[in-house]
N, C-alpha and C. Protein backbone atom coordinates (compact mmCIF):
# COMPACT_ATOMS: atom_id res chain seq x y z
N MET A 1 -39.32 -161.53 51.37
CA MET A 1 -39.78 -161.39 52.72
C MET A 1 -39.21 -160.12 53.36
N LEU A 2 -37.93 -159.88 53.19
CA LEU A 2 -37.31 -158.70 53.78
C LEU A 2 -37.88 -157.41 53.22
N SER A 3 -38.32 -157.43 51.98
CA SER A 3 -38.84 -156.22 51.35
C SER A 3 -40.09 -155.71 52.05
N ARG A 4 -40.82 -156.55 52.78
CA ARG A 4 -42.02 -156.11 53.50
C ARG A 4 -41.68 -155.05 54.54
N PHE A 5 -40.50 -155.11 55.12
CA PHE A 5 -40.11 -154.16 56.14
C PHE A 5 -39.90 -152.76 55.58
N PHE A 6 -39.65 -152.67 54.29
CA PHE A 6 -39.32 -151.39 53.68
C PHE A 6 -40.44 -150.81 52.82
N VAL A 7 -41.61 -151.38 52.87
CA VAL A 7 -42.73 -150.94 52.03
C VAL A 7 -43.06 -149.47 52.27
N ASN A 8 -43.10 -149.04 53.50
CA ASN A 8 -43.47 -147.66 53.84
C ASN A 8 -42.27 -146.76 54.10
N ALA A 9 -41.08 -147.25 53.83
CA ALA A 9 -39.87 -146.48 54.10
C ALA A 9 -39.74 -145.33 53.10
N GLU A 10 -39.23 -144.21 53.60
CA GLU A 10 -38.96 -143.06 52.73
C GLU A 10 -37.55 -143.18 52.17
N SER A 11 -37.39 -142.74 50.94
CA SER A 11 -36.06 -142.74 50.32
C SER A 11 -35.30 -141.51 50.78
N ALA A 12 -34.01 -141.69 50.95
CA ALA A 12 -33.13 -140.57 51.30
C ALA A 12 -32.17 -140.35 50.14
N TYR A 13 -31.89 -139.11 49.84
CA TYR A 13 -30.99 -138.77 48.74
C TYR A 13 -29.91 -137.83 49.23
N ALA A 14 -28.72 -137.97 48.67
CA ALA A 14 -27.61 -137.08 49.00
C ALA A 14 -27.07 -136.52 47.69
N HIS A 15 -26.56 -135.31 47.76
CA HIS A 15 -26.04 -134.70 46.54
C HIS A 15 -24.56 -134.94 46.33
N CYS A 16 -23.90 -135.59 47.29
CA CYS A 16 -22.48 -135.86 47.11
C CYS A 16 -22.15 -137.23 47.71
N ASP A 17 -20.97 -137.74 47.38
CA ASP A 17 -20.57 -139.06 47.86
C ASP A 17 -20.11 -139.05 49.31
N LEU A 18 -19.54 -137.96 49.72
CA LEU A 18 -19.07 -137.82 51.10
C LEU A 18 -19.89 -136.75 51.80
N TYR A 19 -19.79 -136.71 53.12
CA TYR A 19 -20.44 -135.62 53.84
C TYR A 19 -19.86 -134.31 53.35
N CYS A 20 -20.69 -133.31 53.26
CA CYS A 20 -20.20 -132.01 52.81
C CYS A 20 -19.06 -131.56 53.73
N GLY A 21 -17.99 -131.13 53.12
CA GLY A 21 -16.86 -130.64 53.89
C GLY A 21 -15.88 -131.70 54.32
N VAL A 22 -16.02 -132.93 53.86
CA VAL A 22 -15.09 -133.99 54.22
C VAL A 22 -14.46 -134.52 52.94
N TYR A 23 -13.36 -133.89 52.56
CA TYR A 23 -12.63 -134.30 51.37
C TYR A 23 -11.15 -134.27 51.69
N ASP A 24 -10.40 -135.15 51.10
CA ASP A 24 -8.96 -135.12 51.29
C ASP A 24 -8.32 -136.15 50.36
N PRO A 25 -7.29 -135.75 49.59
CA PRO A 25 -6.60 -136.72 48.74
C PRO A 25 -5.86 -137.78 49.55
N ALA A 26 -5.77 -137.60 50.85
CA ALA A 26 -5.11 -138.61 51.69
C ALA A 26 -5.82 -139.95 51.60
N GLN A 27 -7.13 -139.95 51.35
CA GLN A 27 -7.85 -141.22 51.22
C GLN A 27 -7.30 -142.03 50.05
N ALA A 28 -7.11 -141.37 48.93
CA ALA A 28 -6.55 -142.06 47.76
C ALA A 28 -5.11 -142.49 48.04
N ARG A 29 -4.38 -141.64 48.72
CA ARG A 29 -2.97 -141.95 49.02
C ARG A 29 -2.85 -143.17 49.93
N ILE A 30 -3.70 -143.25 50.94
CA ILE A 30 -3.66 -144.39 51.85
C ILE A 30 -3.93 -145.69 51.09
N GLU A 31 -4.92 -145.66 50.21
CA GLU A 31 -5.22 -146.87 49.43
C GLU A 31 -4.06 -147.23 48.50
N ALA A 32 -3.44 -146.21 47.89
CA ALA A 32 -2.29 -146.47 47.01
C ALA A 32 -1.11 -147.03 47.81
N LEU A 33 -0.90 -146.52 49.01
CA LEU A 33 0.16 -147.06 49.86
C LEU A 33 -0.14 -148.50 50.27
N SER A 34 -1.42 -148.80 50.43
CA SER A 34 -1.82 -150.19 50.70
C SER A 34 -1.44 -151.09 49.54
N CYS A 35 -1.62 -150.59 48.32
CA CYS A 35 -1.21 -151.35 47.13
C CYS A 35 0.30 -151.60 47.17
N LYS A 36 1.04 -150.57 47.51
CA LYS A 36 2.50 -150.69 47.55
C LYS A 36 2.94 -151.72 48.60
N LYS A 37 2.37 -151.62 49.78
CA LYS A 37 2.73 -152.54 50.86
C LYS A 37 2.32 -153.98 50.51
N THR A 38 1.17 -154.12 49.88
CA THR A 38 0.71 -155.44 49.47
C THR A 38 1.64 -156.06 48.44
N LEU A 39 2.13 -155.23 47.51
CA LEU A 39 3.09 -155.74 46.53
C LEU A 39 4.40 -156.15 47.19
N GLU A 40 4.82 -155.44 48.21
CA GLU A 40 6.03 -155.83 48.94
C GLU A 40 5.84 -157.22 49.56
N LYS A 41 4.68 -157.43 50.17
CA LYS A 41 4.39 -158.73 50.77
C LYS A 41 4.28 -159.82 49.70
N TYR A 42 3.69 -159.47 48.57
CA TYR A 42 3.57 -160.41 47.46
C TYR A 42 4.96 -160.88 47.02
N HIS A 43 5.87 -159.95 46.79
CA HIS A 43 7.20 -160.29 46.30
C HIS A 43 8.06 -160.99 47.34
N ALA A 44 7.71 -160.81 48.63
CA ALA A 44 8.50 -161.44 49.69
C ALA A 44 8.05 -162.87 49.98
N SER A 45 6.94 -163.29 49.42
CA SER A 45 6.39 -164.61 49.71
C SER A 45 6.55 -165.56 48.52
N GLU A 46 6.65 -166.83 48.84
CA GLU A 46 6.64 -167.86 47.81
C GLU A 46 5.36 -168.69 47.88
N ASP A 47 4.52 -168.39 48.83
CA ASP A 47 3.26 -169.11 49.02
C ASP A 47 2.26 -168.66 47.96
N ILE A 48 1.90 -169.56 47.07
CA ILE A 48 1.03 -169.22 45.94
C ILE A 48 -0.34 -168.72 46.39
N HIS A 49 -0.86 -169.30 47.46
CA HIS A 49 -2.18 -168.89 47.96
C HIS A 49 -2.11 -167.50 48.58
N PHE A 50 -1.08 -167.24 49.34
CA PHE A 50 -0.90 -165.91 49.92
C PHE A 50 -0.72 -164.86 48.82
N ARG A 51 0.07 -165.21 47.83
CA ARG A 51 0.30 -164.27 46.72
C ARG A 51 -0.99 -163.96 45.97
N GLN A 52 -1.84 -164.97 45.81
CA GLN A 52 -3.13 -164.73 45.15
C GLN A 52 -3.98 -163.77 45.98
N ARG A 53 -3.98 -163.96 47.29
CA ARG A 53 -4.71 -163.04 48.16
C ARG A 53 -4.15 -161.63 48.03
N CYS A 54 -2.85 -161.50 47.94
CA CYS A 54 -2.23 -160.19 47.76
C CYS A 54 -2.72 -159.51 46.49
N VAL A 55 -2.80 -160.27 45.42
CA VAL A 55 -3.28 -159.71 44.14
C VAL A 55 -4.72 -159.23 44.28
N ILE A 56 -5.55 -160.02 44.93
CA ILE A 56 -6.95 -159.64 45.11
C ILE A 56 -7.06 -158.36 45.93
N VAL A 57 -6.32 -158.29 47.04
CA VAL A 57 -6.36 -157.10 47.90
C VAL A 57 -5.84 -155.88 47.14
N LYS A 58 -4.75 -156.06 46.43
CA LYS A 58 -4.18 -154.94 45.66
C LYS A 58 -5.19 -154.41 44.65
N GLU A 59 -5.86 -155.31 43.96
CA GLU A 59 -6.84 -154.88 42.96
C GLU A 59 -8.02 -154.15 43.61
N GLN A 60 -8.45 -154.61 44.77
CA GLN A 60 -9.54 -153.93 45.49
C GLN A 60 -9.10 -152.54 45.93
N ARG A 61 -7.90 -152.43 46.46
CA ARG A 61 -7.41 -151.12 46.93
C ARG A 61 -7.19 -150.16 45.76
N ALA A 62 -6.72 -150.67 44.63
CA ALA A 62 -6.53 -149.82 43.46
C ALA A 62 -7.88 -149.30 42.97
N GLU A 63 -8.90 -150.13 43.05
CA GLU A 63 -10.25 -149.67 42.68
C GLU A 63 -10.73 -148.60 43.67
N ASP A 64 -10.39 -148.75 44.94
CA ASP A 64 -10.73 -147.71 45.93
C ASP A 64 -10.01 -146.40 45.62
N VAL A 65 -8.77 -146.49 45.16
CA VAL A 65 -8.04 -145.28 44.75
C VAL A 65 -8.82 -144.57 43.65
N LYS A 66 -9.24 -145.33 42.66
CA LYS A 66 -10.00 -144.74 41.55
C LYS A 66 -11.26 -144.05 42.08
N HIS A 67 -11.95 -144.69 42.99
CA HIS A 67 -13.17 -144.10 43.55
C HIS A 67 -12.87 -142.76 44.24
N HIS A 68 -11.88 -142.76 45.11
CA HIS A 68 -11.56 -141.54 45.86
C HIS A 68 -11.09 -140.42 44.93
N LEU A 69 -10.33 -140.76 43.92
CA LEU A 69 -9.92 -139.74 42.96
C LEU A 69 -11.11 -139.19 42.19
N MET A 70 -12.01 -140.06 41.77
CA MET A 70 -13.18 -139.61 41.02
C MET A 70 -14.08 -138.71 41.87
N VAL A 71 -14.21 -139.01 43.15
CA VAL A 71 -15.00 -138.15 44.04
C VAL A 71 -14.37 -136.77 44.13
N LEU A 72 -13.07 -136.70 44.30
CA LEU A 72 -12.40 -135.40 44.33
C LEU A 72 -12.58 -134.65 43.03
N TRP A 73 -12.37 -135.35 41.94
CA TRP A 73 -12.44 -134.75 40.61
C TRP A 73 -13.84 -134.20 40.34
N ALA A 74 -14.85 -135.00 40.64
CA ALA A 74 -16.22 -134.63 40.27
C ALA A 74 -16.94 -133.80 41.32
N ASP A 75 -16.66 -134.03 42.60
CA ASP A 75 -17.44 -133.38 43.65
C ASP A 75 -16.72 -132.26 44.38
N PHE A 76 -15.41 -132.32 44.46
CA PHE A 76 -14.68 -131.28 45.20
C PHE A 76 -14.25 -130.14 44.29
N PHE A 77 -13.51 -130.47 43.24
CA PHE A 77 -12.96 -129.42 42.38
C PHE A 77 -14.06 -128.79 41.53
N ALA A 78 -14.01 -127.47 41.44
CA ALA A 78 -15.01 -126.69 40.71
C ALA A 78 -14.36 -126.05 39.48
N PRO A 79 -15.16 -125.53 38.56
CA PRO A 79 -14.61 -124.92 37.34
C PRO A 79 -13.51 -123.89 37.61
N ALA A 80 -13.65 -123.11 38.65
CA ALA A 80 -12.61 -122.11 38.97
C ALA A 80 -11.26 -122.77 39.25
N HIS A 81 -11.29 -123.93 39.88
CA HIS A 81 -10.04 -124.65 40.16
C HIS A 81 -9.37 -125.08 38.86
N PHE A 82 -10.18 -125.53 37.91
CA PHE A 82 -9.62 -126.00 36.64
C PHE A 82 -9.10 -124.84 35.80
N GLU A 83 -9.64 -123.65 36.03
CA GLU A 83 -9.10 -122.46 35.36
C GLU A 83 -7.77 -122.08 35.98
N THR A 84 -7.70 -122.13 37.29
CA THR A 84 -6.46 -121.77 38.00
C THR A 84 -5.37 -122.81 37.79
N PHE A 85 -5.76 -124.06 37.72
CA PHE A 85 -4.81 -125.18 37.57
C PHE A 85 -5.19 -125.95 36.31
N PRO A 86 -4.83 -125.45 35.13
CA PRO A 86 -5.27 -126.08 33.88
C PRO A 86 -4.77 -127.52 33.69
N GLU A 87 -3.75 -127.92 34.41
CA GLU A 87 -3.23 -129.29 34.29
C GLU A 87 -4.04 -130.30 35.10
N LEU A 88 -5.02 -129.82 35.87
CA LEU A 88 -5.73 -130.67 36.82
C LEU A 88 -6.54 -131.78 36.14
N HIS A 89 -7.26 -131.46 35.07
CA HIS A 89 -8.03 -132.51 34.39
C HIS A 89 -7.12 -133.63 33.90
N GLU A 90 -6.04 -133.28 33.25
CA GLU A 90 -5.13 -134.30 32.73
C GLU A 90 -4.47 -135.08 33.86
N LEU A 91 -4.16 -134.39 34.95
CA LEU A 91 -3.54 -135.05 36.10
C LEU A 91 -4.50 -136.09 36.69
N PHE A 92 -5.75 -135.74 36.84
CA PHE A 92 -6.73 -136.71 37.33
C PHE A 92 -6.89 -137.87 36.36
N TRP A 93 -6.97 -137.55 35.08
CA TRP A 93 -7.12 -138.60 34.07
C TRP A 93 -5.96 -139.59 34.17
N LYS A 94 -4.75 -139.06 34.27
CA LYS A 94 -3.57 -139.93 34.37
C LYS A 94 -3.61 -140.76 35.65
N ALA A 95 -3.99 -140.13 36.77
CA ALA A 95 -4.01 -140.83 38.05
C ALA A 95 -5.04 -141.95 38.06
N VAL A 96 -6.23 -141.68 37.56
CA VAL A 96 -7.27 -142.71 37.54
C VAL A 96 -6.84 -143.87 36.64
N HIS A 97 -6.28 -143.55 35.49
CA HIS A 97 -5.82 -144.62 34.60
C HIS A 97 -4.61 -145.36 35.18
N GLN A 98 -3.77 -144.67 35.92
CA GLN A 98 -2.63 -145.33 36.56
C GLN A 98 -3.11 -146.30 37.63
N ALA A 99 -4.16 -145.95 38.34
CA ALA A 99 -4.74 -146.88 39.32
C ALA A 99 -5.21 -148.14 38.61
N GLY A 100 -5.75 -147.99 37.42
CA GLY A 100 -6.12 -149.16 36.61
C GLY A 100 -4.92 -149.99 36.24
N GLU A 101 -3.81 -149.34 35.94
CA GLU A 101 -2.57 -150.06 35.62
C GLU A 101 -2.07 -150.84 36.83
N VAL A 102 -2.22 -150.25 38.02
CA VAL A 102 -1.81 -150.94 39.25
C VAL A 102 -2.59 -152.24 39.41
N LYS A 103 -3.85 -152.23 39.02
CA LYS A 103 -4.66 -153.44 39.11
C LYS A 103 -4.12 -154.55 38.22
N LYS A 104 -3.46 -154.20 37.12
CA LYS A 104 -3.05 -155.18 36.11
C LYS A 104 -1.68 -155.80 36.34
N THR A 105 -0.91 -155.29 37.27
CA THR A 105 0.49 -155.71 37.35
C THR A 105 0.94 -155.89 38.80
N VAL A 106 2.10 -156.48 38.97
CA VAL A 106 2.72 -156.58 40.28
C VAL A 106 4.04 -155.81 40.29
N ASP A 107 4.14 -154.83 39.43
CA ASP A 107 5.33 -153.99 39.28
C ASP A 107 5.26 -152.80 40.23
N HIS A 108 6.29 -152.64 41.04
CA HIS A 108 6.35 -151.54 42.00
C HIS A 108 6.29 -150.16 41.34
N GLU A 109 6.87 -150.05 40.17
CA GLU A 109 6.96 -148.75 39.51
C GLU A 109 5.58 -148.17 39.17
N THR A 110 4.62 -149.04 38.91
CA THR A 110 3.27 -148.53 38.60
C THR A 110 2.66 -147.86 39.82
N VAL A 111 2.88 -148.42 41.00
CA VAL A 111 2.36 -147.81 42.23
C VAL A 111 3.11 -146.52 42.54
N ASP A 112 4.42 -146.52 42.33
CA ASP A 112 5.20 -145.30 42.58
C ASP A 112 4.72 -144.15 41.70
N GLN A 113 4.40 -144.44 40.44
CA GLN A 113 3.89 -143.41 39.55
C GLN A 113 2.51 -142.93 40.02
N LEU A 114 1.68 -143.85 40.46
CA LEU A 114 0.36 -143.49 40.99
C LEU A 114 0.52 -142.57 42.21
N LEU A 115 1.41 -142.92 43.10
CA LEU A 115 1.64 -142.08 44.29
C LEU A 115 2.15 -140.69 43.89
N SER A 116 2.94 -140.62 42.85
CA SER A 116 3.42 -139.33 42.36
C SER A 116 2.26 -138.47 41.86
N TYR A 117 1.35 -139.07 41.10
CA TYR A 117 0.18 -138.33 40.62
C TYR A 117 -0.68 -137.86 41.79
N ILE A 118 -0.88 -138.73 42.77
CA ILE A 118 -1.69 -138.35 43.93
C ILE A 118 -1.03 -137.21 44.69
N GLU A 119 0.29 -137.25 44.80
CA GLU A 119 1.01 -136.17 45.48
C GLU A 119 0.81 -134.85 44.73
N ASP A 120 0.86 -134.87 43.41
CA ASP A 120 0.63 -133.66 42.62
C ASP A 120 -0.79 -133.12 42.83
N ILE A 121 -1.76 -134.02 42.86
CA ILE A 121 -3.14 -133.61 43.11
C ILE A 121 -3.27 -133.02 44.52
N SER A 122 -2.61 -133.66 45.47
CA SER A 122 -2.65 -133.19 46.86
C SER A 122 -2.08 -131.77 46.99
N LYS A 123 -0.99 -131.51 46.31
CA LYS A 123 -0.39 -130.17 46.36
C LYS A 123 -1.37 -129.12 45.85
N ILE A 124 -2.07 -129.44 44.78
CA ILE A 124 -3.07 -128.50 44.24
C ILE A 124 -4.23 -128.37 45.21
N PHE A 125 -4.71 -129.48 45.73
CA PHE A 125 -5.81 -129.47 46.70
C PHE A 125 -5.53 -128.51 47.84
N TRP A 126 -4.34 -128.60 48.43
CA TRP A 126 -4.02 -127.79 49.60
C TRP A 126 -3.73 -126.33 49.24
N GLN A 127 -3.55 -126.03 47.97
CA GLN A 127 -3.39 -124.64 47.55
C GLN A 127 -4.72 -123.91 47.47
N THR A 128 -5.81 -124.64 47.42
CA THR A 128 -7.12 -124.02 47.30
C THR A 128 -7.66 -123.66 48.68
N GLN A 129 -8.40 -122.58 48.76
CA GLN A 129 -9.03 -122.20 50.02
C GLN A 129 -10.04 -123.27 50.43
N LYS A 130 -10.76 -123.78 49.46
CA LYS A 130 -11.74 -124.82 49.71
C LYS A 130 -11.06 -126.05 50.32
N GLY A 131 -9.88 -126.40 49.82
CA GLY A 131 -9.13 -127.52 50.38
C GLY A 131 -8.69 -127.25 51.80
N ARG A 132 -8.20 -126.05 52.05
CA ARG A 132 -7.76 -125.71 53.42
C ARG A 132 -8.95 -125.72 54.38
N ASP A 133 -10.13 -125.36 53.89
CA ASP A 133 -11.32 -125.36 54.74
C ASP A 133 -11.89 -126.75 54.94
N MET A 134 -11.79 -127.61 53.92
CA MET A 134 -12.44 -128.93 53.97
C MET A 134 -11.50 -130.09 54.22
N GLY A 135 -10.20 -129.89 54.01
CA GLY A 135 -9.26 -130.99 54.15
C GLY A 135 -9.24 -131.56 55.56
N VAL A 136 -8.97 -132.82 55.63
CA VAL A 136 -8.99 -133.52 56.90
C VAL A 136 -7.58 -133.77 57.42
N TYR A 137 -6.64 -134.03 56.53
CA TYR A 137 -5.31 -134.46 56.92
C TYR A 137 -4.28 -133.56 56.23
N PRO A 138 -4.08 -132.35 56.77
CA PRO A 138 -3.16 -131.42 56.09
C PRO A 138 -1.70 -131.91 56.12
N PRO A 139 -0.96 -131.52 55.10
CA PRO A 139 0.47 -131.91 55.07
C PRO A 139 1.23 -131.17 56.17
N ASP A 140 2.37 -131.70 56.52
CA ASP A 140 3.20 -131.06 57.55
C ASP A 140 3.70 -129.72 57.11
């Protein structure tokens, strides 16, 4: 029934996941910090139902980290960046896989390592002119 409303609708297409010019590794960092805070609450509680909710939220936020990192990797960084910063591909690979590790465990160290990778990516991001022009939340 609902499909009748869209019979004559035109499709819209976008070439990127975010609006052009809106990129920042802070999005991934915020989600990773959410994982960290959620794990703190998980370990501070003895309520099995609350702890289960913490695990679910942590896993969702870790998946969001992966998404934001993949958008930066695929849509923001260009071949010239990878030439200037040859460690960038491996750094992204490690960070995305570390976010997957965060989904699997309740160990604080996995989140700390993820935050370290995101910080390294952020430092490279802000070194680029494109990052300085497009970044939303510059470091102090």
